[in-house]
Amino acid sequence: MKGGYVDGFVLPVSKKNLSAYKKLATQAAAVWKKFGALEYYECMGDDLRPKSDPAMGSPRSFIDLAGIKGDDTVWFSFVVYKNRKHRDAVNKKVMQYFEKKYANAKDHPMPFDMKTIAYGGFKAIVRR
């Protein structure tokens, strides 16, 4: 990993909206990279049912964490920055870009429920 700070996201996306989400994610990646993000990842769940282990017990699954319902799938996404100051500067430019681009698109439909996103900023402590 190149940077020292990461914004991370976990969210459910309905399988019927996968195409629209992939399109949105591809466009978002281009915008974040344009304004200075070092790396941008959108990762769709694949192996989400952890097995019990005598040493670990029963780990919580991303399915439970994301509150998956019906035909939803879990996405784990992250954006990499140099540090938090760099993240704040990049995100400020990104938000200005989107506010201008979608100024006339009130209630623009999204391919996921915005209320279901888990989000946070993380310092990279161990990097190899």
C-alpha atoms as a PDB file:
ATOM      1  CA  MET A   1       0.000   0.000   0.000  1.00  0.00           C
ATOM      2  CA  LYS A   2       1.397   3.375  -0.984  1.00  0.00           C
ATOM      3  CA  GLY A   3      -0.212   5.616   1.608  1.00  0.00           C
ATOM      4  CA  GLY A   4      -0.629   6.056   5.305  1.00  0.00           C
ATOM      5  CA  TYR A   5      -4.359   6.778   5.525  1.00  0.00           C
ATOM      6  CA  VAL A   6      -7.433   4.926   4.262  1.00  0.00           C
ATOM      7  CA  ASP A   7     -11.134   5.720   4.021  1.00  0.00           C
ATOM      8  CA  GLY A   8     -13.035   2.439   4.298  1.00  0.00           C
ATOM      9  CA  PHE A   9     -16.634   1.571   3.413  1.00  0.00           C
ATOM     10  CA  VAL A  10     -18.847  -1.495   3.861  1.00  0.00           C
ATOM     11  CA  LEU A  11     -22.252  -1.505   2.194  1.00  0.00           C
ATOM     12  CA  PRO A  12     -24.904  -3.833   0.821  1.00  0.00           C
ATOM     13  CA  VAL A  13     -25.845  -3.588  -2.853  1.00  0.00           C
ATOM     14  CA  SER A  14     -28.788  -5.461  -4.351  1.00  0.00           C
ATOM     15  CA  LYS A  15     -27.787  -7.871  -7.104  1.00  0.00           C
ATOM     16  CA  LYS A  16     -30.306  -6.169  -9.419  1.00  0.00           C
ATOM     17  CA  ASN A  17     -28.272  -2.941  -9.006  1.00  0.00           C
ATOM     18  CA  LEU A  18     -24.801  -4.424  -9.554  1.00  0.00           C
ATOM     19  CA  SER A  19     -24.383  -3.031 -13.057  1.00  0.00           C
ATOM     20  CA  ALA A  20     -25.413   0.470 -11.957  1.00  0.00           C
ATOM     21  CA  TYR A  21     -23.164   0.263  -8.879  1.00  0.00           C
ATOM     22  CA  LYS A  22     -20.152  -0.878 -10.914  1.00  0.00           C
ATOM     23  CA  LYS A  23     -20.707   2.039 -13.306  1.00  0.00           C
ATOM     24  CA  LEU A  24     -20.979   4.506 -10.412  1.00  0.00           C
ATOM     25  CA  ALA A  25     -17.890   3.032  -8.723  1.00  0.00           C
ATOM     26  CA  THR A  26     -15.852   3.240 -11.930  1.00  0.00           C
ATOM     27  CA  GLN A  27     -16.782   6.903 -12.341  1.00  0.00           C
ATOM     28  CA  ALA A  28     -16.072   7.624  -8.668  1.00  0.00           C
ATOM     29  CA  ALA A  29     -12.652   5.973  -8.907  1.00  0.00           C
ATOM     30  CA  ALA A  30     -11.725   8.242 -11.810  1.00  0.00           C
ATOM     31  CA  VAL A  31     -12.788  11.350  -9.858  1.00  0.00           C
ATOM     32  CA  TRP A  32     -10.932  10.393  -6.661  1.00  0.00           C
ATOM     33  CA  LYS A  33      -7.788   9.557  -8.632  1.00  0.00           C
ATOM     34  CA  LYS A  34      -8.089  12.803 -10.634  1.00  0.00           C
ATOM     35  CA  PHE A  35      -8.023  14.796  -7.407  1.00  0.00           C
ATOM     36  CA  GLY A  36      -5.087  12.934  -5.880  1.00  0.00           C
ATOM     37  CA  ALA A  37      -6.142   9.659  -4.229  1.00  0.00           C
ATOM     38  CA  LEU A  38      -3.266   7.195  -4.435  1.00  0.00           C
ATOM     39  CA  GLU A  39      -5.405   4.077  -4.857  1.00  0.00           C
ATOM     40  CA  TYR A  40      -9.123   3.280  -5.098  1.00  0.00           C
ATOM     41  CA  TYR A  41     -10.676  -0.161  -4.575  1.00  0.00           C
ATOM     42  CA  GLU A  42     -14.221  -1.493  -4.901  1.00  0.00           C
ATOM     43  CA  CYS A  43     -14.375  -5.118  -3.752  1.00  0.00           C
ATOM     44  CA  MET A  44     -17.462  -7.333  -4.065  1.00  0.00           C
ATOM     45  CA  GLY A  45     -17.958 -10.057  -1.464  1.00  0.00           C
ATOM     46  CA  ASP A  46     -17.001 -13.553  -2.538  1.00  0.00           C
ATOM     47  CA  ASP A  47     -16.104 -15.728   0.469  1.00  0.00           C
ATOM     48  CA  LEU A  48     -18.299 -14.261   3.193  1.00  0.00           C
ATOM     49  CA  ARG A  49     -19.195 -17.195   5.424  1.00  0.00           C
ATOM     50  CA  PRO A  50     -16.254 -17.690   7.814  1.00  0.00           C
ATOM     51  CA  LYS A  51     -15.858 -21.124   9.322  1.00  0.00           C
ATOM     52  CA  SER A  52     -15.627 -21.628  13.063  1.00  0.00           C
ATOM     53  CA  ASP A  53     -12.151 -22.260  14.372  1.00  0.00           C
ATOM     54  CA  PRO A  54     -11.308 -23.625  17.836  1.00  0.00           C
ATOM     55  CA  ALA A  55      -8.808 -20.804  18.389  1.00  0.00           C
ATOM     56  CA  MET A  56     -11.072 -18.012  17.085  1.00  0.00           C
ATOM     57  CA  GLY A  57     -14.545 -19.282  17.821  1.00  0.00           C
ATOM     58  CA  SER A  58     -17.179 -18.077  15.375  1.00  0.00           C
ATOM     59  CA  PRO A  59     -16.077 -14.835  13.709  1.00  0.00           C
ATOM     60  CA  ARG A  60     -18.742 -12.339  12.737  1.00  0.00           C
ATOM     61  CA  SER A  61     -19.391 -12.301   8.999  1.00  0.00           C
ATOM     62  CA  PHE A  62     -19.543  -9.277   6.728  1.00  0.00           C
ATOM     63  CA  ILE A  63     -23.051 -10.501   5.839  1.00  0.00           C
ATOM     64  CA  ASP A  64     -24.127  -9.826   9.429  1.00  0.00           C
ATOM     65  CA  LEU A  65     -22.074  -6.649   9.693  1.00  0.00           C
ATOM     66  CA  ALA A  66     -23.624  -5.151   6.551  1.00  0.00           C
ATOM     67  CA  GLY A  67     -27.172  -6.254   7.380  1.00  0.00           C
ATOM     68  CA  ILE A  68     -27.576  -8.182   4.135  1.00  0.00           C
ATOM     69  CA  LYS A  69     -31.153  -8.897   3.112  1.00  0.00           C
ATOM     70  CA  GLY A  70     -32.557 -10.945   0.252  1.00  0.00           C
ATOM     71  CA  ASP A  71     -30.375 -10.778  -2.835  1.00  0.00           C
ATOM     72  CA  ASP A  72     -27.934  -8.156  -1.524  1.00  0.00           C
ATOM     73  CA  THR A  73     -24.194  -8.608  -1.735  1.00  0.00           C
ATOM     74  CA  VAL A  74     -21.503  -6.981   0.406  1.00  0.00           C
ATOM     75  CA  TRP A  75     -19.047  -4.429  -0.961  1.00  0.00           C
ATOM     76  CA  PHE A  76     -15.861  -3.528   0.882  1.00  0.00           C
ATOM     77  CA  SER A  77     -14.343  -0.406  -0.596  1.00  0.00           C
ATOM     78  CA  PHE A  78     -11.398   1.766   0.297  1.00  0.00           C
ATOM     79  CA  VAL A  79      -9.486   4.798  -0.896  1.00  0.00           C
ATOM     80  CA  VAL A  80      -5.793   5.300  -0.055  1.00  0.00           C
ATOM     81  CA  TYR A  81      -4.156   8.645   0.753  1.00  0.00           C
ATOM     82  CA  LYS A  82      -0.751   9.892   1.942  1.00  0.00           C
ATOM     83  CA  ASN A  83      -2.158  10.965   5.312  1.00  0.00           C
ATOM     84  CA  ARG A  84      -5.309  12.441   6.845  1.00  0.00           C
ATOM     85  CA  LYS A  85      -4.473  15.983   5.705  1.00  0.00           C
ATOM     86  CA  HIS A  86      -4.115  14.699   2.135  1.00  0.00           C
ATOM     87  CA  ARG A  87      -7.427  12.800   2.485  1.00  0.00           C
ATOM     88  CA  ASP A  88      -9.209  15.943   3.657  1.00  0.00           C
ATOM     89  CA  ALA A  89      -7.821  17.980   0.737  1.00  0.00           C
ATOM     90  CA  VAL A  90      -8.717  15.332  -1.861  1.00  0.00           C
ATOM     91  CA  ASN A  91     -12.217  14.823  -0.462  1.00  0.00           C
ATOM     92  CA  LYS A  92     -12.851  18.571  -0.418  1.00  0.00           C
ATOM     93  CA  LYS A  93     -12.085  18.745  -4.159  1.00  0.00           C
ATOM     94  CA  VAL A  94     -14.144  15.612  -4.854  1.00  0.00           C
ATOM     95  CA  MET A  95     -17.176  16.974  -2.998  1.00  0.00           C
ATOM     96  CA  GLN A  96     -16.918  20.333  -4.795  1.00  0.00           C
ATOM     97  CA  TYR A  97     -16.774  18.476  -8.115  1.00  0.00           C
ATOM     98  CA  PHE A  98     -19.868  16.371  -7.341  1.00  0.00           C
ATOM     99  CA  GLU A  99     -21.814  19.325  -5.912  1.00  0.00           C
ATOM    100  CA  LYS A 100     -21.225  21.231  -9.147  1.00  0.00           C
ATOM    101  CA  LYS A 101     -21.873  18.229 -11.429  1.00  0.00           C
ATOM    102  CA  TYR A 102     -25.125  17.270  -9.700  1.00  0.00           C
ATOM    103  CA  ALA A 103     -26.344  20.748  -8.709  1.00  0.00           C
ATOM    104  CA  ASN A 104     -29.540  20.261 -10.719  1.00  0.00           C
ATOM    105  CA  ALA A 105     -30.034  16.603  -9.844  1.00  0.00           C
ATOM    106  CA  LYS A 106     -31.846  16.809  -6.526  1.00  0.00           C
ATOM    107  CA  ASP A 107     -32.538  13.357  -5.084  1.00  0.00           C
ATOM    108  CA  HIS A 108     -30.326  11.705  -7.704  1.00  0.00           C
ATOM    109  CA  PRO A 109     -31.100   7.955  -7.478  1.00  0.00           C
ATOM    110  CA  MET A 110     -28.312   5.766  -6.117  1.00  0.00           C
ATOM    111  CA  PRO A 111     -27.898   2.018  -6.720  1.00  0.00           C
ATOM    112  CA  PHE A 112     -27.761   1.430  -2.940  1.00  0.00           C
ATOM    113  CA  ASP A 113     -29.380   2.805   0.208  1.00  0.00           C
ATOM    114  CA  MET A 114     -27.176   5.637   1.530  1.00  0.00           C
ATOM    115  CA  LYS A 115     -28.362   4.868   5.080  1.00  0.00           C
ATOM    116  CA  THR A 116     -26.727   1.433   5.008  1.00  0.00           C
ATOM    117  CA  ILE A 117     -23.102   2.508   4.515  1.00  0.00           C
ATOM    118  CA  ALA A 118     -20.562   1.947   7.275  1.00  0.00           C
ATOM    119  CA  TYR A 119     -17.696   4.430   6.845  1.00  0.00           C
ATOM    120  CA  GLY A 120     -14.548   5.498   8.639  1.00  0.00           C
ATOM    121  CA  GLY A 121     -11.062   6.936   8.227  1.00  0.00           C
ATOM    122  CA  PHE A 122      -8.138   4.764   9.331  1.00  0.00           C
ATOM    123  CA  LYS A 123      -4.453   5.366  10.016  1.00  0.00           C
ATOM    124  CA  ALA A 124      -2.292   2.696   8.440  1.00  0.00           C
ATOM    125  CA  ILE A 125      -0.301   1.378  11.401  1.00  0.00           C
ATOM    126  CA  VAL A 126       1.370  -1.695   9.933  1.00  0.00           C
ATOM    127  CA  ARG A 127       2.519  -1.481   6.304  1.00  0.00           C
ATOM    128  CA  ARG A 128       4.827  -3.969   4.634  1.00  0.00           C
END
